[in-house]
Amino acid sequence: MLRPQDYLAILLRRWWVIVLIGFASAAAAYGFSKLQTPLYRAQTTYNVITSRYDQGLTMQLPSVMGNWPGQLTDARLQEISNQLQLDRTPDYLRKYIAIQPQPDQLLLTINVDYPDPKKAVELADALGETLKSEVAGLNALRLSTDAINIRVQQPAKYIELASPKTKINVLAGGILGGIIGILVAFALEYFDDRIKSNNDIERWTGLPTLGSIPEH
Protein backbone atom coordinates (compact mmCIF):
# COMPACT_ATOMS: atom_id res chain seq x y z
CA MET A 1 0.00 0.00 0.00
CA LEU A 2 1.38 3.36 -1.00
CA ARG A 3 2.04 5.94 1.68
CA PRO A 4 1.55 9.69 1.10
CA GLN A 5 5.32 10.13 0.77
CA ASP A 6 5.34 7.43 -1.91
CA TYR A 7 2.86 9.41 -4.01
CA LEU A 8 5.01 12.51 -3.65
CA ALA A 9 8.12 10.54 -4.62
CA ILE A 10 6.39 9.26 -7.76
CA LEU A 11 5.36 12.77 -8.78
CA LEU A 12 8.89 14.07 -8.22
CA ARG A 13 10.39 11.16 -10.15
CA ARG A 14 7.97 11.47 -13.07
CA TRP A 15 7.60 15.26 -13.13
CA TRP A 16 8.88 15.44 -16.68
CA VAL A 17 5.95 13.30 -17.89
CA ILE A 18 3.44 15.66 -16.28
CA VAL A 19 5.13 18.76 -17.67
CA LEU A 20 5.50 17.28 -21.15
CA ILE A 21 1.88 16.18 -21.47
CA GLY A 22 0.61 19.43 -19.92
CA PHE A 23 2.68 21.50 -22.35
CA ALA A 24 1.60 19.39 -25.33
CA SER A 25 -2.06 19.73 -24.37
CA ALA A 26 -1.76 23.51 -23.94
CA ALA A 27 0.00 23.78 -27.31
CA ALA A 28 -2.73 21.72 -28.96
CA ALA A 29 -5.38 24.00 -27.44
CA TYR A 30 -3.53 27.05 -28.71
CA GLY A 31 -3.27 25.58 -32.21
CA PHE A 32 -6.96 24.64 -32.20
CA SER A 33 -7.91 28.17 -31.14
CA LYS A 34 -5.88 29.73 -33.94
CA LEU A 35 -7.55 27.48 -36.52
CA GLN A 36 -11.00 28.69 -35.52
CA THR A 37 -12.71 31.56 -37.33
CA PRO A 38 -12.91 34.53 -34.93
CA LEU A 39 -16.41 35.62 -33.97
CA TYR A 40 -16.95 39.18 -32.76
CA ARG A 41 -19.82 40.00 -30.41
CA ALA A 42 -22.03 43.06 -30.72
CA GLN A 43 -24.79 43.93 -28.28
CA THR A 44 -27.78 46.24 -28.24
CA THR A 45 -30.25 46.83 -25.41
CA TYR A 46 -33.87 47.94 -25.50
CA ASN A 47 -36.13 49.28 -22.75
CA VAL A 48 -39.53 47.65 -22.43
CA ILE A 49 -42.27 50.24 -22.01
CA THR A 50 -45.80 49.45 -20.85
CA SER A 51 -48.67 51.82 -21.52
CA ARG A 52 -49.62 51.80 -17.85
CA TYR A 53 -48.40 50.43 -14.55
CA ASP A 54 -50.62 47.52 -13.70
CA GLN A 55 -49.94 44.32 -11.79
CA GLY A 56 -51.86 42.23 -14.30
CA LEU A 57 -49.98 43.71 -17.25
CA THR A 58 -46.67 43.24 -15.44
CA MET A 59 -47.48 39.57 -14.83
CA GLN A 60 -48.06 39.12 -18.57
CA LEU A 61 -44.62 40.42 -19.48
CA PRO A 62 -42.65 37.14 -19.17
CA SER A 63 -44.96 35.28 -21.55
CA VAL A 64 -45.35 38.23 -23.91
CA MET A 65 -41.61 38.93 -24.10
CA GLY A 66 -40.88 35.22 -24.41
CA ASN A 67 -42.79 35.22 -27.69
CA TRP A 68 -40.88 38.12 -29.22
CA PRO A 69 -37.89 36.13 -30.57
CA GLY A 70 -40.37 34.13 -32.66
CA GLN A 71 -41.29 37.33 -34.50
CA LEU A 72 -37.94 37.17 -36.29
CA THR A 73 -39.19 34.72 -38.89
CA ASP A 74 -37.08 33.25 -41.69
CA ALA A 75 -38.55 35.83 -44.05
CA ARG A 76 -37.53 38.70 -41.77
CA LEU A 77 -34.04 37.31 -41.30
CA GLN A 78 -33.62 36.85 -45.03
CA GLU A 79 -34.67 40.47 -45.58
CA ILE A 80 -32.03 41.61 -43.08
CA SER A 81 -29.38 39.40 -44.71
CA ASN A 82 -30.20 40.89 -48.12
CA GLN A 83 -30.32 44.43 -46.75
CA LEU A 84 -26.87 44.13 -45.15
CA GLN A 85 -25.49 42.07 -48.07
CA LEU A 86 -24.46 39.29 -45.72
CA ASP A 87 -25.22 36.44 -48.12
CA ARG A 88 -26.25 34.29 -45.14
CA THR A 89 -29.25 32.03 -44.70
CA PRO A 90 -31.73 32.45 -41.85
CA ASP A 91 -30.53 29.13 -40.37
CA TYR A 92 -26.95 30.42 -40.31
CA LEU A 93 -27.96 33.68 -38.64
CA ARG A 94 -30.03 31.93 -35.97
CA LYS A 95 -26.94 30.07 -34.74
CA TYR A 96 -25.25 33.35 -33.84
CA ILE A 97 -28.18 35.40 -32.54
CA ALA A 98 -29.19 35.46 -28.87
CA ILE A 99 -32.31 37.41 -27.86
CA GLN A 100 -32.60 37.66 -24.09
CA PRO A 101 -35.85 39.06 -22.63
CA GLN A 102 -35.41 40.32 -19.04
CA PRO A 103 -38.95 41.04 -17.81
CA ASP A 104 -37.87 41.79 -14.22
CA GLN A 105 -35.64 44.61 -15.44
CA LEU A 106 -37.89 45.70 -18.33
CA LEU A 107 -35.01 45.11 -20.74
CA LEU A 108 -34.41 43.22 -23.95
CA THR A 109 -30.83 42.38 -24.92
CA ILE A 110 -29.71 41.22 -28.34
CA ASN A 111 -26.29 39.63 -28.80
CA VAL A 112 -24.86 38.85 -32.22
CA ASP A 113 -21.66 36.91 -32.97
CA TYR A 114 -20.28 37.40 -36.47
CA PRO A 115 -16.92 37.00 -38.26
CA ASP A 116 -16.84 40.73 -39.12
CA PRO A 117 -17.09 43.13 -36.13
CA LYS A 118 -18.60 45.93 -38.21
CA LYS A 119 -21.25 43.63 -39.66
CA ALA A 120 -21.95 42.25 -36.18
CA VAL A 121 -22.89 45.77 -35.03
CA GLU A 122 -25.01 46.41 -38.14
CA LEU A 123 -26.76 43.06 -37.75
CA ALA A 124 -27.56 43.66 -34.07
CA ASP A 125 -29.05 47.06 -34.87
CA ALA A 126 -31.07 45.67 -37.78
CA LEU A 127 -32.43 42.85 -35.65
CA GLY A 128 -33.39 45.25 -32.89
CA GLU A 129 -35.19 47.64 -35.20
CA THR A 130 -37.00 44.81 -36.97
CA LEU A 131 -38.12 43.37 -33.65
CA LYS A 132 -39.20 46.82 -32.51
CA SER A 133 -41.40 47.10 -35.61
CA GLU A 134 -42.85 43.63 -35.08
CA VAL A 135 -43.64 44.34 -31.42
CA ALA A 136 -45.36 47.58 -32.42
CA GLY A 137 -47.45 45.57 -34.89
CA LEU A 138 -48.52 43.18 -32.15
CA ASN A 139 -50.00 46.10 -30.23
CA ALA A 140 -52.69 46.37 -32.90
CA LEU A 141 -54.09 43.13 -31.51
CA ARG A 142 -54.21 44.49 -27.94
CA LEU A 143 -56.13 47.22 -26.21
CA SER A 144 -54.31 50.54 -26.33
CA THR A 145 -54.17 50.50 -22.54
CA ASP A 146 -52.33 47.14 -22.68
CA ALA A 147 -49.70 48.17 -25.23
CA ILE A 148 -46.11 47.01 -24.68
CA ASN A 149 -43.37 48.65 -26.74
CA ILE A 150 -39.61 48.64 -26.84
CA ARG A 151 -37.26 51.60 -27.25
CA VAL A 152 -33.54 51.48 -27.84
CA GLN A 153 -31.51 52.11 -24.71
CA GLN A 154 -28.04 51.27 -26.03
CA PRO A 155 -27.40 51.19 -29.79
CA ALA A 156 -25.43 48.19 -30.97
CA LYS A 157 -21.72 48.25 -30.26
CA TYR A 158 -18.84 45.81 -30.33
CA ILE A 159 -18.21 44.44 -26.83
CA GLU A 160 -15.80 41.49 -27.06
CA LEU A 161 -14.25 38.68 -29.03
CA ALA A 162 -16.81 35.91 -28.57
CA SER A 163 -14.55 33.11 -29.75
CA PRO A 164 -12.05 31.67 -29.69
CA LYS A 165 -11.13 32.35 -26.06
CA THR A 166 -7.47 31.50 -26.62
CA LYS A 167 -6.21 32.18 -23.10
CA ILE A 168 -9.01 30.18 -21.49
CA ASN A 169 -8.53 27.32 -23.97
CA VAL A 170 -4.78 27.19 -23.34
CA LEU A 171 -5.27 27.27 -19.56
CA ALA A 172 -7.92 24.55 -19.71
CA GLY A 173 -5.73 22.49 -22.03
CA GLY A 174 -2.74 22.81 -19.69
CA ILE A 175 -4.79 21.81 -16.64
CA LEU A 176 -6.35 18.85 -18.42
CA GLY A 177 -2.95 17.81 -19.75
CA GLY A 178 -1.48 18.06 -16.25
CA ILE A 179 -4.20 15.77 -14.87
CA ILE A 180 -3.62 13.28 -17.67
CA GLY A 181 0.12 13.57 -17.04
CA ILE A 182 -0.35 12.64 -13.37
CA LEU A 183 -2.41 9.59 -14.35
CA VAL A 184 0.21 8.55 -16.89
CA ALA A 185 2.96 9.02 -14.29
CA PHE A 186 1.21 6.67 -11.88
CA ALA A 187 0.50 4.20 -14.70
CA LEU A 188 4.19 4.15 -15.66
CA GLU A 189 5.10 3.64 -12.04
CA TYR A 190 2.62 0.79 -11.71
CA PHE A 191 4.06 -1.11 -14.67
CA ASP A 192 7.68 -0.39 -13.67
CA ASP A 193 8.65 -3.38 -11.49
CA ARG A 194 12.27 -2.29 -10.94
CA ILE A 195 13.41 -1.76 -7.36
CA LYS A 196 14.83 1.73 -7.12
CA SER A 197 14.98 2.48 -3.41
CA ASN A 198 14.73 1.05 0.11
CA ASN A 199 11.12 2.17 0.15
CA ASP A 200 10.39 -0.09 -2.82
CA ILE A 201 11.90 -3.06 -0.95
CA GLU A 202 9.85 -2.37 2.15
CA ARG A 203 6.68 -1.89 0.12
CA TRP A 204 7.06 -5.12 -1.84
CA THR A 205 8.32 -7.35 1.01
CA GLY A 206 6.53 -5.77 3.92
CA LEU A 207 9.78 -5.98 5.88
CA PRO A 208 12.04 -3.15 7.09
CA THR A 209 15.46 -2.77 5.50
CA LEU A 210 18.38 -2.98 7.91
CA GLY A 211 21.00 -1.51 5.63
CA SER A 212 22.27 -1.23 2.07
CA ILE A 213 25.49 -1.91 0.19
CA PRO A 214 26.96 1.27 -1.34
CA GLU A 215 27.64 1.26 -5.09
CA HIS A 216 31.33 2.12 -4.62
C-alpha atoms as a PDB file:
ATOM      1  CA  MET A   1       0.000   0.000   0.000  1.00  0.00           C
ATOM      2  CA  LEU A   2       1.382   3.355  -1.002  1.00  0.00           C
ATOM      3  CA  ARG A   3       2.038   5.939   1.682  1.00  0.00           C
ATOM      4  CA  PRO A   4       1.554   9.688   1.103  1.00  0.00           C
ATOM      5  CA  GLN A   5       5.319  10.133   0.766  1.00  0.00           C
ATOM      6  CA  ASP A   6       5.343   7.427  -1.909  1.00  0.00           C
ATOM      7  CA  TYR A   7       2.858   9.407  -4.011  1.00  0.00           C
ATOM      8  CA  LEU A   8       5.008  12.506  -3.652  1.00  0.00           C
ATOM      9  CA  ALA A   9       8.121  10.545  -4.620  1.00  0.00           C
ATOM     10  CA  ILE A  10       6.390   9.255  -7.764  1.00  0.00           C
ATOM     11  CA  LEU A  11       5.364  12.768  -8.775  1.00  0.00           C
ATOM     12  CA  LEU A  12       8.893  14.065  -8.225  1.00  0.00           C
ATOM     13  CA  ARG A  13      10.391  11.165 -10.152  1.00  0.00           C
ATOM     14  CA  ARG A  14       7.967  11.470 -13.072  1.00  0.00           C
ATOM     15  CA  TRP A  15       7.604  15.258 -13.129  1.00  0.00           C
ATOM     16  CA  TRP A  16       8.876  15.441 -16.685  1.00  0.00           C
ATOM     17  CA  VAL A  17       5.952  13.302 -17.885  1.00  0.00           C
ATOM     18  CA  ILE A  18       3.436  15.655 -16.282  1.00  0.00           C
ATOM     19  CA  VAL A  19       5.133  18.759 -17.672  1.00  0.00           C
ATOM     20  CA  LEU A  20       5.501  17.276 -21.147  1.00  0.00           C
ATOM     21  CA  ILE A  21       1.880  16.178 -21.466  1.00  0.00           C
ATOM     22  CA  GLY A  22       0.611  19.425 -19.924  1.00  0.00           C
ATOM     23  CA  PHE A  23       2.679  21.503 -22.350  1.00  0.00           C
ATOM     24  CA  ALA A  24       1.605  19.389 -25.331  1.00  0.00           C
ATOM     25  CA  SER A  25      -2.059  19.727 -24.370  1.00  0.00           C
ATOM     26  CA  ALA A  26      -1.760  23.510 -23.940  1.00  0.00           C
ATOM     27  CA  ALA A  27       0.004  23.780 -27.307  1.00  0.00           C
ATOM     28  CA  ALA A  28      -2.729  21.720 -28.964  1.00  0.00           C
ATOM     29  CA  ALA A  29      -5.385  23.995 -27.439  1.00  0.00           C
ATOM     30  CA  TYR A  30      -3.526  27.051 -28.715  1.00  0.00           C
ATOM     31  CA  GLY A  31      -3.275  25.584 -32.214  1.00  0.00           C
ATOM     32  CA  PHE A  32      -6.960  24.643 -32.202  1.00  0.00           C
ATOM     33  CA  SER A  33      -7.915  28.174 -31.138  1.00  0.00           C
ATOM     34  CA  LYS A  34      -5.880  29.725 -33.936  1.00  0.00           C
ATOM     35  CA  LEU A  35      -7.547  27.482 -36.523  1.00  0.00           C
ATOM     36  CA  GLN A  36     -11.005  28.691 -35.520  1.00  0.00           C
ATOM     37  CA  THR A  37     -12.710  31.556 -37.333  1.00  0.00           C
ATOM     38  CA  PRO A  38     -12.907  34.525 -34.927  1.00  0.00           C
ATOM     39  CA  LEU A  39     -16.415  35.617 -33.968  1.00  0.00           C
ATOM     40  CA  TYR A  40     -16.947  39.175 -32.763  1.00  0.00           C
ATOM     41  CA  ARG A  41     -19.823  40.001 -30.411  1.00  0.00           C
ATOM     42  CA  ALA A  42     -22.031  43.062 -30.724  1.00  0.00           C
ATOM     43  CA  GLN A  43     -24.794  43.929 -28.277  1.00  0.00           C
ATOM     44  CA  THR A  44     -27.779  46.238 -28.240  1.00  0.00           C
ATOM     45  CA  THR A  45     -30.245  46.832 -25.413  1.00  0.00           C
ATOM     46  CA  TYR A  46     -33.875  47.939 -25.505  1.00  0.00           C
ATOM     47  CA  ASN A  47     -36.127  49.282 -22.751  1.00  0.00           C
ATOM     48  CA  VAL A  48     -39.534  47.654 -22.430  1.00  0.00           C
ATOM     49  CA  ILE A  49     -42.275  50.238 -22.008  1.00  0.00           C
ATOM     50  CA  THR A  50     -45.798  49.445 -20.853  1.00  0.00           C
ATOM     51  CA  SER A  51     -48.672  51.821 -21.523  1.00  0.00           C
ATOM     52  CA  ARG A  52     -49.620  51.796 -17.852  1.00  0.00           C
ATOM     53  CA  TYR A  53     -48.396  50.430 -14.550  1.00  0.00           C
ATOM     54  CA  ASP A  54     -50.623  47.522 -13.697  1.00  0.00           C
ATOM     55  CA  GLN A  55     -49.942  44.320 -11.786  1.00  0.00           C
ATOM     56  CA  GLY A  56     -51.858  42.230 -14.302  1.00  0.00           C
ATOM     57  CA  LEU A  57     -49.978  43.706 -17.253  1.00  0.00           C
ATOM     58  CA  THR A  58     -46.674  43.236 -15.439  1.00  0.00           C
ATOM     59  CA  MET A  59     -47.484  39.574 -14.834  1.00  0.00           C
ATOM     60  CA  GLN A  60     -48.060  39.116 -18.567  1.00  0.00           C
ATOM     61  CA  LEU A  61     -44.618  40.421 -19.479  1.00  0.00           C
ATOM     62  CA  PRO A  62     -42.645  37.140 -19.170  1.00  0.00           C
ATOM     63  CA  SER A  63     -44.962  35.279 -21.547  1.00  0.00           C
ATOM     64  CA  VAL A  64     -45.345  38.229 -23.914  1.00  0.00           C
ATOM     65  CA  MET A  65     -41.606  38.931 -24.101  1.00  0.00           C
ATOM     66  CA  GLY A  66     -40.885  35.218 -24.409  1.00  0.00           C
ATOM     67  CA  ASN A  67     -42.791  35.221 -27.694  1.00  0.00           C
ATOM     68  CA  TRP A  68     -40.879  38.119 -29.224  1.00  0.00           C
ATOM     69  CA  PRO A  69     -37.889  36.132 -30.575  1.00  0.00           C
ATOM     70  CA  GLY A  70     -40.370  34.133 -32.657  1.00  0.00           C
ATOM     71  CA  GLN A  71     -41.289  37.330 -34.504  1.00  0.00           C
ATOM     72  CA  LEU A  72     -37.938  37.166 -36.287  1.00  0.00           C
ATOM     73  CA  THR A  73     -39.189  34.724 -38.891  1.00  0.00           C
ATOM     74  CA  ASP A  74     -37.080  33.252 -41.686  1.00  0.00           C
ATOM     75  CA  ALA A  75     -38.554  35.827 -44.049  1.00  0.00           C
ATOM     76  CA  ARG A  76     -37.529  38.700 -41.772  1.00  0.00           C
ATOM     77  CA  LEU A  77     -34.035  37.308 -41.301  1.00  0.00           C
ATOM     78  CA  GLN A  78     -33.622  36.855 -45.030  1.00  0.00           C
ATOM     79  CA  GLU A  79     -34.668  40.474 -45.578  1.00  0.00           C
ATOM     80  CA  ILE A  80     -32.028  41.606 -43.079  1.00  0.00           C
ATOM     81  CA  SER A  81     -29.378  39.405 -44.706  1.00  0.00           C
ATOM     82  CA  ASN A  82     -30.196  40.885 -48.125  1.00  0.00           C
ATOM     83  CA  GLN A  83     -30.320  44.427 -46.746  1.00  0.00           C
ATOM     84  CA  LEU A  84     -26.866  44.131 -45.154  1.00  0.00           C
ATOM     85  CA  GLN A  85     -25.485  42.074 -48.074  1.00  0.00           C
ATOM     86  CA  LEU A  86     -24.455  39.289 -45.716  1.00  0.00           C
ATOM     87  CA  ASP A  87     -25.220  36.437 -48.120  1.00  0.00           C
ATOM     88  CA  ARG A  88     -26.253  34.286 -45.140  1.00  0.00           C
ATOM     89  CA  THR A  89     -29.253  32.026 -44.704  1.00  0.00           C
ATOM     90  CA  PRO A  90     -31.726  32.446 -41.848  1.00  0.00           C
ATOM     91  CA  ASP A  91     -30.526  29.127 -40.374  1.00  0.00           C
ATOM     92  CA  TYR A  92     -26.949  30.416 -40.313  1.00  0.00           C
ATOM     93  CA  LEU A  93     -27.958  33.682 -38.639  1.00  0.00           C
ATOM     94  CA  ARG A  94     -30.025  31.933 -35.966  1.00  0.00           C
ATOM     95  CA  LYS A  95     -26.941  30.065 -34.742  1.00  0.00           C
ATOM     96  CA  TYR A  96     -25.250  33.348 -33.843  1.00  0.00           C
ATOM     97  CA  ILE A  97     -28.180  35.396 -32.539  1.00  0.00           C
ATOM     98  CA  ALA A  98     -29.191  35.456 -28.873  1.00  0.00           C
ATOM     99  CA  ILE A  99     -32.305  37.408 -27.864  1.00  0.00           C
ATOM    100  CA  GLN A 100     -32.603  37.662 -24.086  1.00  0.00           C
ATOM    101  CA  PRO A 101     -35.845  39.059 -22.626  1.00  0.00           C
ATOM    102  CA  GLN A 102     -35.411  40.318 -19.044  1.00  0.00           C
ATOM    103  CA  PRO A 103     -38.950  41.039 -17.806  1.00  0.00           C
ATOM    104  CA  ASP A 104     -37.874  41.788 -14.223  1.00  0.00           C
ATOM    105  CA  GLN A 105     -35.641  44.611 -15.443  1.00  0.00           C
ATOM    106  CA  LEU A 106     -37.885  45.697 -18.335  1.00  0.00           C
ATOM    107  CA  LEU A 107     -35.006  45.105 -20.736  1.00  0.00           C
ATOM    108  CA  LEU A 108     -34.412  43.222 -23.955  1.00  0.00           C
ATOM    109  CA  THR A 109     -30.833  42.377 -24.915  1.00  0.00           C
ATOM    110  CA  ILE A 110     -29.712  41.219 -28.345  1.00  0.00           C
ATOM    111  CA  ASN A 111     -26.291  39.628 -28.802  1.00  0.00           C
ATOM    112  CA  VAL A 112     -24.860  38.849 -32.217  1.00  0.00           C
ATOM    113  CA  ASP A 113     -21.661  36.907 -32.975  1.00  0.00           C
ATOM    114  CA  TYR A 114     -20.279  37.399 -36.469  1.00  0.00           C
ATOM    115  CA  PRO A 115     -16.919  36.996 -38.263  1.00  0.00           C
ATOM    116  CA  ASP A 116     -16.842  40.732 -39.118  1.00  0.00           C
ATOM    117  CA  PRO A 117     -17.085  43.134 -36.128  1.00  0.00           C
ATOM    118  CA  LYS A 118     -18.604  45.932 -38.206  1.00  0.00           C
ATOM    119  CA  LYS A 119     -21.246  43.629 -39.657  1.00  0.00           C
ATOM    120  CA  ALA A 120     -21.950  42.253 -36.182  1.00  0.00           C
ATOM    121  CA  VAL A 121     -22.888  45.767 -35.033  1.00  0.00           C
ATOM    122  CA  GLU A 122     -25.010  46.409 -38.143  1.00  0.00           C
ATOM    123  CA  LEU A 123     -26.762  43.062 -37.754  1.00  0.00           C
ATOM    124  CA  ALA A 124     -27.559  43.656 -34.074  1.00  0.00           C
ATOM    125  CA  ASP A 125     -29.054  47.062 -34.871  1.00  0.00           C
ATOM    126  CA  ALA A 126     -31.068  45.673 -37.779  1.00  0.00           C
ATOM    127  CA  LEU A 127     -32.435  42.847 -35.653  1.00  0.00           C
ATOM    128  CA  GLY A 128     -33.390  45.251 -32.891  1.00  0.00           C
ATOM    129  CA  GLU A 129     -35.195  47.643 -35.202  1.00  0.00           C
ATOM    130  CA  THR A 130     -36.996  44.805 -36.972  1.00  0.00           C
ATOM    131  CA  LEU A 131     -38.123  43.366 -33.652  1.00  0.00           C
ATOM    132  CA  LYS A 132     -39.199  46.823 -32.513  1.00  0.00           C
ATOM    133  CA  SER A 133     -41.400  47.101 -35.612  1.00  0.00           C
ATOM    134  CA  GLU A 134     -42.846  43.629 -35.082  1.00  0.00           C
ATOM    135  CA  VAL A 135     -43.640  44.339 -31.425  1.00  0.00           C
ATOM    136  CA  ALA A 136     -45.364  47.580 -32.417  1.00  0.00           C
ATOM    137  CA  GLY A 137     -47.453  45.575 -34.893  1.00  0.00           C
ATOM    138  CA  LEU A 138     -48.522  43.177 -32.154  1.00  0.00           C
ATOM    139  CA  ASN A 139     -50.004  46.101 -30.231  1.00  0.00           C
ATOM    140  CA  ALA A 140     -52.689  46.372 -32.902  1.00  0.00           C
ATOM    141  CA  LEU A 141     -54.089  43.127 -31.509  1.00  0.00           C
ATOM    142  CA  ARG A 142     -54.209  44.486 -27.943  1.00  0.00           C
ATOM    143  CA  LEU A 143     -56.130  47.215 -26.209  1.00  0.00           C
ATOM    144  CA  SER A 144     -54.306  50.542 -26.334  1.00  0.00           C
ATOM    145  CA  THR A 145     -54.165  50.500 -22.538  1.00  0.00           C
ATOM    146  CA  ASP A 146     -52.327  47.138 -22.681  1.00  0.00           C
ATOM    147  CA  ALA A 147     -49.705  48.170 -25.229  1.00  0.00           C
ATOM    148  CA  ILE A 148     -46.114  47.013 -24.684  1.00  0.00           C
ATOM    149  CA  ASN A 149     -43.371  48.646 -26.736  1.00  0.00           C
ATOM    150  CA  ILE A 150     -39.605  48.640 -26.843  1.00  0.00           C
ATOM    151  CA  ARG A 151     -37.261  51.604 -27.247  1.00  0.00           C
ATOM    152  CA  VAL A 152     -33.537  51.477 -27.840  1.00  0.00           C
ATOM    153  CA  GLN A 153     -31.514  52.111 -24.710  1.00  0.00           C
ATOM    154  CA  GLN A 154     -28.041  51.268 -26.035  1.00  0.00           C
ATOM    155  CA  PRO A 155     -27.397  51.194 -29.791  1.00  0.00           C
ATOM    156  CA  ALA A 156     -25.433  48.195 -30.972  1.00  0.00           C
ATOM    157  CA  LYS A 157     -21.720  48.254 -30.257  1.00  0.00           C
ATOM    158  CA  TYR A 158     -18.839  45.815 -30.330  1.00  0.00           C
ATOM    159  CA  ILE A 159     -18.207  44.438 -26.832  1.00  0.00           C
ATOM    160  CA  GLU A 160     -15.801  41.487 -27.060  1.00  0.00           C
ATOM    161  CA  LEU A 161     -14.248  38.677 -29.028  1.00  0.00           C
ATOM    162  CA  ALA A 162     -16.811  35.909 -28.572  1.00  0.00           C
ATOM    163  CA  SER A 163     -14.548  33.109 -29.749  1.00  0.00           C
ATOM    164  CA  PRO A 164     -12.046  31.671 -29.695  1.00  0.00           C
ATOM    165  CA  LYS A 165     -11.133  32.346 -26.057  1.00  0.00           C
ATOM    166  CA  THR A 166      -7.474  31.497 -26.621  1.00  0.00           C
ATOM    167  CA  LYS A 167      -6.210  32.176 -23.095  1.00  0.00           C
ATOM    168  CA  ILE A 168      -9.012  30.178 -21.494  1.00  0.00           C
ATOM    169  CA  ASN A 169      -8.526  27.322 -23.970  1.00  0.00           C
ATOM    170  CA  VAL A 170      -4.778  27.191 -23.342  1.00  0.00           C
ATOM    171  CA  LEU A 171      -5.271  27.272 -19.561  1.00  0.00           C
ATOM    172  CA  ALA A 172      -7.922  24.550 -19.709  1.00  0.00           C
ATOM    173  CA  GLY A 173      -5.731  22.487 -22.032  1.00  0.00           C
ATOM    174  CA  GLY A 174      -2.740  22.814 -19.694  1.00  0.00           C
ATOM    175  CA  ILE A 175      -4.786  21.807 -16.637  1.00  0.00           C
ATOM    176  CA  LEU A 176      -6.347  18.852 -18.425  1.00  0.00           C
ATOM    177  CA  GLY A 177      -2.946  17.814 -19.745  1.00  0.00           C
ATOM    178  CA  GLY A 178      -1.481  18.061 -16.247  1.00  0.00           C
ATOM    179  CA  ILE A 179      -4.196  15.773 -14.869  1.00  0.00           C
ATOM    180  CA  ILE A 180      -3.624  13.281 -17.675  1.00  0.00           C
ATOM    181  CA  GLY A 181       0.119  13.566 -17.038  1.00  0.00           C
ATOM    182  CA  ILE A 182      -0.355  12.643 -13.370  1.00  0.00           C
ATOM    183  CA  LEU A 183      -2.414   9.593 -14.345  1.00  0.00           C
ATOM    184  CA  VAL A 184       0.212   8.552 -16.891  1.00  0.00           C
ATOM    185  CA  ALA A 185       2.958   9.015 -14.290  1.00  0.00           C
ATOM    186  CA  PHE A 186       1.211   6.670 -11.883  1.00  0.00           C
ATOM    187  CA  ALA A 187       0.499   4.203 -14.702  1.00  0.00           C
ATOM    188  CA  LEU A 188       4.191   4.147 -15.657  1.00  0.00           C
ATOM    189  CA  GLU A 189       5.104   3.639 -12.037  1.00  0.00           C
ATOM    190  CA  TYR A 190       2.618   0.786 -11.709  1.00  0.00           C
ATOM    191  CA  PHE A 191       4.065  -1.113 -14.670  1.00  0.00           C
ATOM    192  CA  ASP A 192       7.675  -0.388 -13.666  1.00  0.00           C
ATOM    193  CA  ASP A 193       8.653  -3.382 -11.489  1.00  0.00           C
ATOM    194  CA  ARG A 194      12.265  -2.289 -10.940  1.00  0.00           C
ATOM    195  CA  ILE A 195      13.412  -1.763  -7.356  1.00  0.00           C
ATOM    196  CA  LYS A 196      14.834   1.730  -7.125  1.00  0.00           C
ATOM    197  CA  SER A 197      14.981   2.481  -3.406  1.00  0.00           C
ATOM    198  CA  ASN A 198      14.731   1.053   0.111  1.00  0.00           C
ATOM    199  CA  ASN A 199      11.122   2.167   0.153  1.00  0.00           C
ATOM    200  CA  ASP A 200      10.392  -0.092  -2.825  1.00  0.00           C
ATOM    201  CA  ILE A 201      11.897  -3.063  -0.953  1.00  0.00           C
ATOM    202  CA  GLU A 202       9.849  -2.373   2.148  1.00  0.00           C
ATOM    203  CA  ARG A 203       6.683  -1.890   0.117  1.00  0.00           C
ATOM    204  CA  TRP A 204       7.056  -5.124  -1.843  1.00  0.00           C
ATOM    205  CA  THR A 205       8.320  -7.346   1.005  1.00  0.00           C
ATOM    206  CA  GLY A 206       6.527  -5.774   3.919  1.00  0.00           C
ATOM    207  CA  LEU A 207       9.781  -5.980   5.877  1.00  0.00           C
ATOM    208  CA  PRO A 208      12.038  -3.150   7.092  1.00  0.00           C
ATOM    209  CA  THR A 209      15.464  -2.768   5.503  1.00  0.00           C
ATOM    210  CA  LEU A 210      18.379  -2.982   7.906  1.00  0.00           C
ATOM    211  CA  GLY A 211      21.001  -1.508   5.625  1.00  0.00           C
ATOM    212  CA  SER A 212      22.274  -1.235   2.069  1.00  0.00           C
ATOM    213  CA  ILE A 213      25.488  -1.908   0.192  1.00  0.00           C
ATOM    214  CA  PRO A 214      26.957   1.272  -1.343  1.00  0.00           C
ATOM    215  CA  GLU A 215      27.643   1.260  -5.090  1.00  0.00           C
ATOM    216  CA  HIS A 216      31.331   2.119  -4.623  1.00  0.00           C
END
